[in-house]
Amino acid sequence: MKRTIYIILLFTTITAAVGGVISLFPNSSASFTSLLGYKSLCTFNPASALYCFLLAGSSCFIRSTFFKYETGTASEKMKKHIHSLIPLVLILLLAGGTTIWFVKVDRQYTDGTTEASIAE
């Protein structure tokens, strides 16, 4: 059972990390320019990439802390890996900050096809 969960978490880590990188790829047919100043595959960048990296880091943390074949209780393993939470918290703060930034910038634009805006 532990091996199955470990493999699922490993797959999640790899998929989320690749998704974060792919979301940064340029895409000239994108409808909006991202906050990074270019048209990317995901116009919600850099927040989308940061959330993907947060998911990758979180699944990696859970996998290495609780499902790797090591001896010890869950609390002993947590004490051993607690320092790994610092980068995850920093990525979460960056992702939250860029989400707020995106919402503020997005409020300036209206939807060109429906004449709708967030102010209505």
C-alpha atoms as a PDB file:
ATOM      1  CA  MET A   1       0.000   0.000   0.000  1.00  0.00           C
ATOM      2  CA  LYS A   2       2.784   2.422   0.915  1.00  0.00           C
ATOM      3  CA  ARG A   3       4.518   1.739  -2.394  1.00  0.00           C
ATOM      4  CA  THR A   4       1.343   2.509  -4.371  1.00  0.00           C
ATOM      5  CA  ILE A   5       0.832   5.824  -2.585  1.00  0.00           C
ATOM      6  CA  TYR A   6       4.529   6.616  -3.041  1.00  0.00           C
ATOM      7  CA  ILE A   7       4.253   6.043  -6.811  1.00  0.00           C
ATOM      8  CA  ILE A   8       1.080   8.164  -7.048  1.00  0.00           C
ATOM      9  CA  LEU A   9       2.770  11.000  -5.155  1.00  0.00           C
ATOM     10  CA  LEU A  10       5.881  10.696  -7.334  1.00  0.00           C
ATOM     11  CA  PHE A  11       3.705  10.917 -10.458  1.00  0.00           C
ATOM     12  CA  THR A  12       1.939  13.965  -8.991  1.00  0.00           C
ATOM     13  CA  THR A  13       5.283  15.628  -8.248  1.00  0.00           C
ATOM     14  CA  ILE A  14       6.581  15.088 -11.774  1.00  0.00           C
ATOM     15  CA  THR A  15       3.318  16.068 -13.484  1.00  0.00           C
ATOM     16  CA  ALA A  16       2.892  19.264 -11.462  1.00  0.00           C
ATOM     17  CA  ALA A  17       6.515  20.321 -11.976  1.00  0.00           C
ATOM     18  CA  VAL A  18       6.298  19.739 -15.736  1.00  0.00           C
ATOM     19  CA  GLY A  19       2.941  21.572 -15.815  1.00  0.00           C
ATOM     20  CA  GLY A  20       4.493  24.556 -14.060  1.00  0.00           C
ATOM     21  CA  VAL A  21       7.305  24.750 -16.579  1.00  0.00           C
ATOM     22  CA  ILE A  22       5.001  24.247 -19.580  1.00  0.00           C
ATOM     23  CA  SER A  23       2.655  26.996 -18.388  1.00  0.00           C
ATOM     24  CA  LEU A  24       5.544  29.456 -18.811  1.00  0.00           C
ATOM     25  CA  PHE A  25       6.037  28.646 -22.508  1.00  0.00           C
ATOM     26  CA  PRO A  26       5.338  31.530 -24.904  1.00  0.00           C
ATOM     27  CA  ASN A  27       2.124  31.340 -26.936  1.00  0.00           C
ATOM     28  CA  SER A  28       1.537  34.094 -29.472  1.00  0.00           C
ATOM     29  CA  SER A  29      -2.151  33.173 -29.862  1.00  0.00           C
ATOM     30  CA  ALA A  30      -2.937  33.796 -26.166  1.00  0.00           C
ATOM     31  CA  SER A  31      -5.754  36.253 -25.578  1.00  0.00           C
ATOM     32  CA  PHE A  32      -3.931  38.307 -22.928  1.00  0.00           C
ATOM     33  CA  THR A  33      -0.409  39.201 -21.955  1.00  0.00           C
ATOM     34  CA  SER A  34       0.661  37.572 -18.703  1.00  0.00           C
ATOM     35  CA  LEU A  35       1.913  39.571 -15.734  1.00  0.00           C
ATOM     36  CA  LEU A  36       5.432  38.650 -16.823  1.00  0.00           C
ATOM     37  CA  GLY A  37       4.954  40.836 -19.907  1.00  0.00           C
ATOM     38  CA  TYR A  38       4.568  38.256 -22.668  1.00  0.00           C
ATOM     39  CA  LYS A  39       1.823  36.041 -24.084  1.00  0.00           C
ATOM     40  CA  SER A  40       2.327  32.669 -22.461  1.00  0.00           C
ATOM     41  CA  LEU A  41       0.543  29.350 -22.625  1.00  0.00           C
ATOM     42  CA  CYS A  42      -1.246  30.339 -19.417  1.00  0.00           C
ATOM     43  CA  THR A  43      -2.162  33.994 -19.023  1.00  0.00           C
ATOM     44  CA  PHE A  44      -2.461  33.485 -15.257  1.00  0.00           C
ATOM     45  CA  ASN A  45       1.332  33.363 -15.000  1.00  0.00           C
ATOM     46  CA  PRO A  46       3.348  33.534 -12.812  1.00  0.00           C
ATOM     47  CA  ALA A  47       0.736  32.428 -10.261  1.00  0.00           C
ATOM     48  CA  SER A  48      -0.233  29.307 -12.219  1.00  0.00           C
ATOM     49  CA  ALA A  49       3.371  28.131 -12.373  1.00  0.00           C
ATOM     50  CA  LEU A  50       3.839  28.833  -8.672  1.00  0.00           C
ATOM     51  CA  TYR A  51       0.718  26.843  -7.763  1.00  0.00           C
ATOM     52  CA  CYS A  52       1.973  23.935  -9.882  1.00  0.00           C
ATOM     53  CA  PHE A  53       5.341  24.140  -8.134  1.00  0.00           C
ATOM     54  CA  LEU A  54       3.565  24.307  -4.755  1.00  0.00           C
ATOM     55  CA  LEU A  55       1.652  21.128  -5.597  1.00  0.00           C
ATOM     56  CA  ALA A  56       4.871  19.450  -6.765  1.00  0.00           C
ATOM     57  CA  GLY A  57       6.730  20.489  -3.620  1.00  0.00           C
ATOM     58  CA  SER A  58       3.887  19.497  -1.314  1.00  0.00           C
ATOM     59  CA  SER A  59       3.517  16.047  -2.835  1.00  0.00           C
ATOM     60  CA  CYS A  60       7.304  15.620  -2.722  1.00  0.00           C
ATOM     61  CA  PHE A  61       7.336  16.634   0.960  1.00  0.00           C
ATOM     62  CA  ILE A  62       4.524  14.231   1.853  1.00  0.00           C
ATOM     63  CA  ARG A  63       6.139  11.457  -0.154  1.00  0.00           C
ATOM     64  CA  SER A  64       9.591  11.869   1.373  1.00  0.00           C
ATOM     65  CA  THR A  65       8.316  12.424   4.904  1.00  0.00           C
ATOM     66  CA  PHE A  66       5.629   9.791   5.309  1.00  0.00           C
ATOM     67  CA  PHE A  67       5.913   7.229   2.508  1.00  0.00           C
ATOM     68  CA  LYS A  68       9.616   6.766   1.956  1.00  0.00           C
ATOM     69  CA  TYR A  69      10.922   3.545   3.403  1.00  0.00           C
ATOM     70  CA  GLU A  70      12.475   4.807   6.629  1.00  0.00           C
ATOM     71  CA  THR A  71      12.177   3.713  10.207  1.00  0.00           C
ATOM     72  CA  GLY A  72      10.582   5.850  12.893  1.00  0.00           C
ATOM     73  CA  THR A  73       7.207   7.265  13.818  1.00  0.00           C
ATOM     74  CA  ALA A  74       5.404   9.902  11.807  1.00  0.00           C
ATOM     75  CA  SER A  75       6.381  12.620  14.316  1.00  0.00           C
ATOM     76  CA  GLU A  76      10.061  11.599  14.158  1.00  0.00           C
ATOM     77  CA  LYS A  77       9.949  11.742  10.354  1.00  0.00           C
ATOM     78  CA  MET A  78       8.246  15.147  10.515  1.00  0.00           C
ATOM     79  CA  LYS A  79      10.979  16.521  12.775  1.00  0.00           C
ATOM     80  CA  LYS A  80      13.578  15.254  10.323  1.00  0.00           C
ATOM     81  CA  HIS A  81      11.917  16.946   7.310  1.00  0.00           C
ATOM     82  CA  ILE A  82      10.451  20.110   8.904  1.00  0.00           C
ATOM     83  CA  HIS A  83      13.075  22.344   7.265  1.00  0.00           C
ATOM     84  CA  SER A  84      11.582  21.387   3.878  1.00  0.00           C
ATOM     85  CA  LEU A  85       8.428  23.354   4.704  1.00  0.00           C
ATOM     86  CA  ILE A  86      10.220  26.723   4.450  1.00  0.00           C
ATOM     87  CA  PRO A  87      10.435  26.734   0.619  1.00  0.00           C
ATOM     88  CA  LEU A  88       6.816  25.549   0.406  1.00  0.00           C
ATOM     89  CA  VAL A  89       5.632  28.438   2.571  1.00  0.00           C
ATOM     90  CA  LEU A  90       7.642  30.889   0.452  1.00  0.00           C
ATOM     91  CA  ILE A  91       6.135  29.516  -2.768  1.00  0.00           C
ATOM     92  CA  LEU A  92       2.654  29.760  -1.230  1.00  0.00           C
ATOM     93  CA  LEU A  93       3.250  33.401  -0.281  1.00  0.00           C
ATOM     94  CA  LEU A  94       4.565  34.199  -3.774  1.00  0.00           C
ATOM     95  CA  ALA A  95       1.608  32.465  -5.404  1.00  0.00           C
ATOM     96  CA  GLY A  96      -0.862  34.318  -3.188  1.00  0.00           C
ATOM     97  CA  GLY A  97       0.851  37.625  -3.896  1.00  0.00           C
ATOM     98  CA  THR A  98       0.807  37.108  -7.654  1.00  0.00           C
ATOM     99  CA  THR A  99      -2.850  36.060  -7.489  1.00  0.00           C
ATOM    100  CA  ILE A 100      -3.715  39.349  -5.794  1.00  0.00           C
ATOM    101  CA  TRP A 101      -1.598  41.189  -8.375  1.00  0.00           C
ATOM    102  CA  PHE A 102      -3.404  39.352 -11.203  1.00  0.00           C
ATOM    103  CA  VAL A 103      -6.848  40.235  -9.818  1.00  0.00           C
ATOM    104  CA  LYS A 104      -5.893  43.918  -9.523  1.00  0.00           C
ATOM    105  CA  VAL A 105      -4.591  44.036 -13.096  1.00  0.00           C
ATOM    106  CA  ASP A 106      -7.490  41.976 -14.455  1.00  0.00           C
ATOM    107  CA  ARG A 107     -10.021  44.441 -13.044  1.00  0.00           C
ATOM    108  CA  GLN A 108      -8.708  47.067 -15.445  1.00  0.00           C
ATOM    109  CA  TYR A 109      -9.861  45.125 -18.501  1.00  0.00           C
ATOM    110  CA  THR A 110     -13.303  44.331 -19.864  1.00  0.00           C
ATOM    111  CA  ASP A 111     -14.337  41.234 -21.749  1.00  0.00           C
ATOM    112  CA  GLY A 112     -14.232  42.237 -25.426  1.00  0.00           C
ATOM    113  CA  THR A 113     -16.887  39.746 -26.519  1.00  0.00           C
ATOM    114  CA  THR A 114     -19.625  40.370 -23.939  1.00  0.00           C
ATOM    115  CA  GLU A 115     -18.959  43.924 -22.761  1.00  0.00           C
ATOM    116  CA  ALA A 116     -18.820  42.522 -19.219  1.00  0.00           C
ATOM    117  CA  SER A 117     -16.442  43.726 -16.545  1.00  0.00           C
ATOM    118  CA  ILE A 118     -15.896  42.975 -12.901  1.00  0.00           C
ATOM    119  CA  ALA A 119     -17.316  46.382 -11.927  1.00  0.00           C
ATOM    120  CA  GLU A 120     -20.785  45.568 -13.291  1.00  0.00           C
END
